[in-house]
Every structure is written in C-alpha cells, then in structure tokens.
N, C-alpha and C. Protein backbone atom coordinates (compact mmCIF):
# COMPACT_ATOMS: atom_id res chain seq x y z
N UNK A 1 15.16 -42.91 8.27
CA UNK A 1 14.07 -43.47 8.18
C UNK A 1 14.15 -44.52 9.46
N UNK A 2 15.06 -45.12 9.54
CA UNK A 2 15.36 -46.21 10.70
C UNK A 2 14.89 -45.69 11.77
N UNK A 3 15.34 -44.63 12.02
CA UNK A 3 15.35 -44.03 13.27
C UNK A 3 13.86 -43.29 14.04
N UNK A 4 13.05 -43.00 12.70
CA UNK A 4 12.03 -42.86 12.75
C UNK A 4 10.93 -43.77 13.20
N UNK A 5 11.18 -44.82 12.72
CA UNK A 5 10.41 -46.58 12.89
C UNK A 5 10.49 -46.72 14.62
N UNK A 6 11.99 -46.25 14.76
CA UNK A 6 12.25 -46.98 16.19
C UNK A 6 11.55 -45.77 17.03
N UNK A 7 11.61 -44.76 17.14
CA UNK A 7 10.61 -43.57 17.31
C UNK A 7 9.31 -44.02 17.73
N UNK A 8 8.52 -44.44 16.65
CA UNK A 8 7.42 -44.71 16.74
C UNK A 8 7.28 -45.65 17.43
N UNK A 9 8.08 -46.75 17.53
CA UNK A 9 7.87 -48.23 18.47
C UNK A 9 8.13 -47.89 19.70
N UNK A 10 9.10 -47.02 19.98
CA UNK A 10 9.65 -46.72 21.43
C UNK A 10 8.13 -45.70 22.27
N UNK A 11 7.36 -45.33 21.37
CA UNK A 11 6.37 -44.36 21.57
C UNK A 11 5.10 -45.10 21.84
N UNK A 12 4.97 -46.26 21.22
CA UNK A 12 3.95 -47.37 21.40
C UNK A 12 4.06 -47.55 23.05
N UNK A 13 5.31 -47.92 23.09
CA UNK A 13 5.33 -49.06 24.77
C UNK A 13 5.33 -47.86 25.50
N UNK A 14 5.64 -46.22 24.95
CA UNK A 14 5.45 -45.44 26.51
C UNK A 14 3.83 -45.39 26.34
N UNK A 15 2.88 -45.33 25.02
CA UNK A 15 1.83 -45.57 25.88
C UNK A 15 1.03 -46.24 26.30
N UNK A 16 1.65 -47.32 26.15
CA UNK A 16 0.85 -48.49 26.71
C UNK A 16 1.80 -48.49 28.36
N UNK A 17 2.74 -48.26 28.48
CA UNK A 17 3.34 -47.97 29.95
C UNK A 17 2.28 -47.25 31.10
N UNK A 18 2.07 -46.04 30.27
CA UNK A 18 1.33 -45.14 30.59
C UNK A 18 0.03 -45.43 31.38
N UNK A 19 -1.01 -46.35 29.69
CA UNK A 19 -1.94 -46.19 30.52
C UNK A 19 -2.32 -47.76 31.58
N UNK A 20 -0.80 -48.58 31.80
CA UNK A 20 -1.22 -49.55 32.70
C UNK A 20 -0.57 -49.25 33.77
N UNK A 21 -0.16 -47.74 33.83
CA UNK A 21 0.46 -47.57 35.27
C UNK A 21 -0.52 -46.91 35.70
N UNK A 22 -1.84 -46.23 34.61
CA UNK A 22 -3.12 -45.65 34.75
C UNK A 22 -4.36 -46.81 35.40
N UNK A 23 -4.31 -47.43 34.87
CA UNK A 23 -5.04 -48.89 35.27
C UNK A 23 -4.51 -49.31 36.71
N UNK A 24 -2.92 -49.66 36.94
CA UNK A 24 -2.91 -49.86 38.30
C UNK A 24 -3.17 -48.99 39.72
N UNK A 25 -3.12 -47.73 38.89
CA UNK A 25 -3.23 -46.90 40.31
C UNK A 25 -1.85 -46.57 40.79
N UNK A 26 -0.86 -46.41 39.96
CA UNK A 26 0.17 -45.76 40.33
C UNK A 26 0.01 -44.29 39.61
N UNK A 27 -0.18 -43.35 40.70
CA UNK A 27 -0.15 -41.86 40.08
C UNK A 27 0.75 -41.70 39.67
N UNK A 28 2.13 -41.63 40.60
CA UNK A 28 3.66 -41.20 40.04
C UNK A 28 4.22 -42.11 39.01
N UNK A 29 3.97 -43.06 39.12
CA UNK A 29 4.16 -43.71 37.78
C UNK A 29 3.67 -42.63 36.28
N UNK A 30 2.15 -43.09 36.92
CA UNK A 30 1.20 -42.21 35.31
C UNK A 30 1.40 -40.71 35.30
N UNK A 31 2.01 -39.69 36.34
CA UNK A 31 2.24 -38.89 36.22
C UNK A 31 3.61 -38.22 35.21
N UNK A 32 4.65 -39.08 35.69
CA UNK A 32 6.17 -38.74 35.07
C UNK A 32 5.51 -39.87 33.60
N UNK A 33 5.33 -40.92 33.53
CA UNK A 33 5.16 -41.21 32.48
C UNK A 33 4.54 -40.76 31.11
N UNK A 34 3.36 -40.27 31.92
CA UNK A 34 2.46 -38.95 31.16
C UNK A 34 3.37 -38.28 30.68
N UNK A 35 3.83 -37.48 31.35
CA UNK A 35 5.29 -36.33 30.33
C UNK A 35 5.96 -36.85 29.68
N UNK A 36 6.82 -37.87 29.96
CA UNK A 36 7.67 -38.37 29.17
C UNK A 36 6.75 -38.95 27.76
N UNK A 37 5.42 -39.65 28.05
CA UNK A 37 5.20 -39.79 26.95
C UNK A 37 4.78 -38.50 26.01
N UNK A 38 4.42 -37.80 26.44
CA UNK A 38 4.16 -36.27 25.76
C UNK A 38 4.86 -35.77 24.93
N UNK A 39 6.30 -35.83 25.66
CA UNK A 39 7.19 -35.47 25.30
C UNK A 39 7.99 -36.22 23.64
N UNK A 40 7.74 -37.40 23.93
CA UNK A 40 8.05 -38.15 23.20
C UNK A 40 7.38 -38.45 22.02
N UNK A 41 5.84 -37.92 21.93
CA UNK A 41 5.22 -37.74 21.07
C UNK A 41 5.33 -36.57 20.29
N UNK A 42 5.59 -35.70 20.88
CA UNK A 42 6.20 -34.06 20.39
C UNK A 42 7.65 -34.96 19.35
N UNK A 43 8.58 -35.36 19.48
CA UNK A 43 9.44 -35.77 18.88
C UNK A 43 9.49 -36.46 17.85
N UNK A 44 8.51 -37.51 18.19
CA UNK A 44 8.49 -38.90 17.03
C UNK A 44 7.16 -37.59 15.58
N UNK A 45 6.27 -36.95 16.07
CA UNK A 45 5.55 -36.10 15.12
C UNK A 45 6.45 -35.02 14.49
N UNK A 46 7.30 -35.17 15.03
CA UNK A 46 8.61 -33.90 14.41
C UNK A 46 9.67 -34.69 13.49
N UNK A 47 9.81 -35.71 13.85
CA UNK A 47 10.33 -36.85 13.16
C UNK A 47 10.13 -36.95 11.71
N UNK A 48 7.98 -37.72 11.85
CA UNK A 48 7.40 -37.98 11.25
C UNK A 48 7.88 -36.91 9.74
N UNK A 49 7.00 -35.38 10.17
CA UNK A 49 7.48 -34.01 9.61
C UNK A 49 8.39 -33.84 8.90
N UNK A 50 9.84 -34.55 9.57
CA UNK A 50 10.84 -34.34 8.97
C UNK A 50 11.04 -35.12 7.65
N UNK A 51 10.49 -36.21 7.65
CA UNK A 51 10.48 -37.44 7.00
C UNK A 51 9.88 -37.06 5.41
N UNK A 52 8.64 -36.07 5.78
CA UNK A 52 7.47 -36.36 5.02
C UNK A 52 8.14 -34.94 4.10
N UNK A 53 8.22 -34.21 4.86
CA UNK A 53 8.67 -32.85 4.28
C UNK A 53 9.65 -32.08 4.33
N UNK A 54 10.37 -32.47 4.72
CA UNK A 54 11.32 -32.02 4.88
C UNK A 54 12.17 -30.39 5.91
N UNK A 55 12.84 -30.53 6.66
CA UNK A 55 13.13 -29.42 7.78
C UNK A 55 14.27 -29.02 7.03
N UNK A 56 14.48 -27.38 6.69
CA UNK A 56 15.91 -26.96 6.61
C UNK A 56 16.35 -25.86 6.83
C-alpha cells in the first residue's frame, strides 16, 4: 500500500515538472519529461488496479 502512495506522489511531481518545462519553453525537457510522465502514469494506474482488484 505504501508503495502505491509513493507512486502517486511521484506521479504528481512528474506532472508538475512536465508542465513547468512546457511553460518555460524547454522543449527537450518537455518531451523527455512527458514520456517519463506517461510511463509513470501507466505504472501508477496498474498499481492502483492491483491494490483494488488484485492481479493474479
């Protein structure tokens, strides 16, 4: 359970960083951060699904 909470926290920070890169005009940082954020969102959603339903 605690790992899922940590993943959610890190995902929020990654989203904030990606949006900051977009606002500041840092295109390479925005692209790399955006890919990292998408992957992290996928892993976080999978972890939440595992907590609620359970993957067997």
